[in-house]
Amino acid sequence: MKIFNIINKTFEFMLVTIVVLQAVLLMASVLFRYLFNSPIIWGDEIVRYSLIWMTFVGAAMATKEKQHIQVDVIDMVLPKLGRKITNWFVDIAVTAFMVFLIYYGIRMTDFQRGMFGETLSWFSYAYVYVSIPIGALFTIFFTMSKYFIKEDDDAAGRSSVS
């Protein structure tokens, strides 16, 4: 599906951009602090905010790539129907928790609209907190997409229980 690929590439680009931004900012902060004795005071704040974004965007990508922690022993001892039922239960539980995160993430984002950063006094905390409902929404999208979008899991080197 085209939309699936666009979302996938966008998330991959976001994650790579965030990691590069963090690395550059951290190296520049160390360089300026120890060589020039003039620290970049807003650098740590940007790295902290980008780490929060990376957490929620990364969780959605881990869902897409089927990289979250799971107990394989249960899948090995259950018959095919048991694995299907277990996977459905897990997907329902994950989706329910993500709906919870969306609801409270939106409330937290709204509450933080009037709060601003310590060193970046123009930067609203709402931009940080909006990562919660966005990450949760896309985690639901990637969780449910396996029921609507058939991927060739064997070609990717993964085994799938559908």
Protein backbone atom coordinates (compact mmCIF):
# COMPACT_ATOMS: atom_id res chain seq x y z
CA MET A 1 0.00 0.00 0.00
CA LYS A 2 1.27 3.41 -0.93
CA ILE A 3 0.15 5.21 2.26
CA PHE A 4 1.83 2.53 4.37
CA ASN A 5 5.12 3.07 2.54
CA ILE A 6 4.85 6.86 2.82
CA ILE A 7 4.24 6.65 6.58
CA ASN A 8 7.05 4.13 6.94
CA LYS A 9 9.57 6.32 5.08
CA THR A 10 8.45 9.41 7.01
CA PHE A 11 8.97 7.68 10.35
CA GLU A 12 12.33 6.31 9.30
CA PHE A 13 13.40 9.78 8.18
CA MET A 14 12.19 11.27 11.48
CA LEU A 15 14.15 8.75 13.53
CA VAL A 16 17.35 9.19 11.54
CA THR A 17 17.00 12.98 11.70
CA ILE A 18 16.45 12.90 15.45
CA VAL A 19 19.50 10.67 16.04
CA VAL A 20 21.72 12.85 13.84
CA LEU A 21 20.41 16.01 15.53
CA GLN A 22 21.12 14.55 18.96
CA ALA A 23 24.63 13.45 18.02
CA VAL A 24 25.53 16.81 16.48
CA LEU A 25 24.09 18.79 19.37
CA LEU A 26 25.78 16.66 22.02
CA MET A 27 29.15 16.84 20.29
CA ALA A 28 28.79 20.60 19.77
CA SER A 29 27.80 21.04 23.42
CA VAL A 30 30.88 19.18 24.62
CA LEU A 31 33.10 21.04 22.18
CA PHE A 32 31.79 24.46 23.15
CA ARG A 33 31.80 23.68 26.86
CA TYR A 34 35.35 22.36 27.13
CA LEU A 35 37.21 24.06 24.29
CA PHE A 36 35.56 27.47 24.24
CA ASN A 37 34.27 27.57 27.84
CA SER A 38 30.91 28.71 26.47
CA PRO A 39 28.27 25.98 26.72
CA ILE A 40 25.26 25.74 24.43
CA ILE A 41 22.67 26.08 27.16
CA TRP A 42 19.69 25.15 24.99
CA GLY A 43 21.36 22.06 23.48
CA ASP A 44 20.53 19.73 26.37
CA GLU A 45 16.90 20.81 26.27
CA ILE A 46 16.60 20.09 22.54
CA VAL A 47 18.23 16.67 23.03
CA ARG A 48 15.80 15.88 25.88
CA TYR A 49 12.77 16.86 23.80
CA SER A 50 13.99 14.95 20.76
CA LEU A 51 14.58 11.87 22.93
CA ILE A 52 10.93 11.95 23.97
CA TRP A 53 9.87 12.18 20.31
CA MET A 54 12.26 9.37 19.42
CA THR A 55 10.72 7.18 22.13
CA PHE A 56 7.17 7.43 20.82
CA VAL A 57 8.03 7.42 17.12
CA GLY A 58 10.43 4.53 17.78
CA ALA A 59 7.73 2.57 19.61
CA ALA A 60 5.48 2.86 16.56
CA MET A 61 8.31 1.76 14.27
CA ALA A 62 9.15 -1.16 16.57
CA THR A 63 5.51 -2.22 16.30
CA LYS A 64 5.72 -2.06 12.52
CA GLU A 65 8.94 -4.07 12.45
CA LYS A 66 7.62 -6.58 15.04
CA GLN A 67 10.60 -5.80 17.29
CA HIS A 68 8.84 -5.42 20.65
CA ILE A 69 9.69 -7.88 23.38
CA GLN A 70 7.66 -11.06 23.31
CA VAL A 71 7.71 -14.47 24.93
CA ASP A 72 8.51 -16.91 22.13
CA VAL A 73 8.06 -19.96 24.33
CA ILE A 74 4.30 -19.41 24.40
CA ASP A 75 4.15 -19.30 20.59
CA MET A 76 6.21 -22.50 20.35
CA VAL A 77 3.96 -24.58 22.61
CA LEU A 78 0.60 -23.35 21.32
CA PRO A 79 -1.10 -24.76 18.25
CA LYS A 80 -1.73 -22.42 15.31
CA LEU A 81 -5.22 -21.45 16.52
CA GLY A 82 -3.86 -20.75 20.01
CA ARG A 83 -1.17 -18.49 18.57
CA LYS A 84 -3.78 -16.62 16.55
CA ILE A 85 -5.97 -16.09 19.60
CA THR A 86 -2.99 -15.01 21.70
CA ASN A 87 -1.86 -12.55 19.02
CA TRP A 88 -5.38 -11.11 18.73
CA PHE A 89 -5.53 -10.70 22.51
CA VAL A 90 -2.14 -8.95 22.55
CA ASP A 91 -3.20 -6.66 19.68
CA ILE A 92 -6.45 -5.77 21.48
CA ALA A 93 -4.56 -5.05 24.71
CA VAL A 94 -1.96 -2.91 22.89
CA THR A 95 -4.69 -1.02 21.03
CA ALA A 96 -6.64 -0.40 24.25
CA PHE A 97 -3.54 0.96 25.97
CA MET A 98 -2.74 3.17 22.97
CA VAL A 99 -6.30 4.56 23.04
CA PHE A 100 -5.66 5.38 26.71
CA LEU A 101 -2.39 7.12 25.73
CA ILE A 102 -4.11 9.05 22.95
CA TYR A 103 -6.82 10.30 25.30
CA TYR A 104 -4.51 11.34 28.11
CA GLY A 105 -1.79 12.48 25.71
CA ILE A 106 -4.23 14.93 24.13
CA ARG A 107 -5.28 16.15 27.57
CA MET A 108 -1.64 16.57 28.66
CA THR A 109 -0.79 18.36 25.40
CA ASP A 110 -3.69 20.75 25.93
CA PHE A 111 -2.64 21.36 29.54
CA GLN A 112 0.96 22.11 28.51
CA ARG A 113 0.07 24.74 25.88
CA GLY A 114 0.81 27.55 28.34
CA MET A 115 4.08 26.04 29.60
CA PHE A 116 7.38 26.92 27.96
CA GLY A 117 10.93 25.57 28.02
CA GLU A 118 13.53 26.58 30.58
CA THR A 119 16.10 27.92 28.12
CA LEU A 120 13.86 28.07 25.05
CA SER A 121 11.24 30.42 26.47
CA TRP A 122 9.38 30.54 23.14
CA PHE A 123 9.07 26.72 22.85
CA SER A 124 5.81 25.31 24.22
CA TYR A 125 5.89 21.98 26.04
CA ALA A 126 2.80 21.08 24.00
CA TYR A 127 5.14 20.35 21.06
CA VAL A 128 6.84 17.73 23.20
CA TYR A 129 3.70 16.20 24.69
CA VAL A 130 1.95 15.88 21.31
CA SER A 131 4.44 13.08 20.59
CA ILE A 132 2.43 10.85 22.95
CA PRO A 133 -0.86 10.77 21.01
CA ILE A 134 0.93 10.81 17.65
CA GLY A 135 3.13 7.85 18.59
CA ALA A 136 0.16 5.99 20.08
CA LEU A 137 -2.00 6.64 17.00
CA PHE A 138 0.65 5.25 14.68
CA THR A 139 1.27 2.30 16.99
CA ILE A 140 -2.42 1.46 16.55
CA PHE A 141 -2.06 1.97 12.79
CA PHE A 142 0.89 -0.41 12.58
CA THR A 143 -0.75 -2.92 14.95
CA MET A 144 -3.92 -3.06 12.90
CA SER A 145 -2.21 -2.82 9.49
CA LYS A 146 -1.14 -6.46 9.62
CA TYR A 147 -4.81 -7.41 9.36
CA PHE A 148 -5.37 -5.24 6.28
CA ILE A 149 -1.98 -5.08 4.56
CA LYS A 150 -0.38 -8.37 3.63
CA GLU A 151 3.41 -8.23 3.64
CA ASP A 152 5.76 -10.91 2.40
CA ASP A 153 7.24 -11.80 5.81
CA ASP A 154 9.28 -14.71 4.48
CA ALA A 155 11.09 -12.40 2.07
CA ALA A 156 11.97 -10.14 5.01
CA GLY A 157 13.42 -13.06 6.91
CA ARG A 158 10.74 -13.07 9.59
CA SER A 159 8.18 -15.67 10.48
CA SER A 160 4.62 -14.55 10.97
CA VAL A 161 1.57 -15.94 12.65
CA SER A 162 -1.57 -14.61 10.98
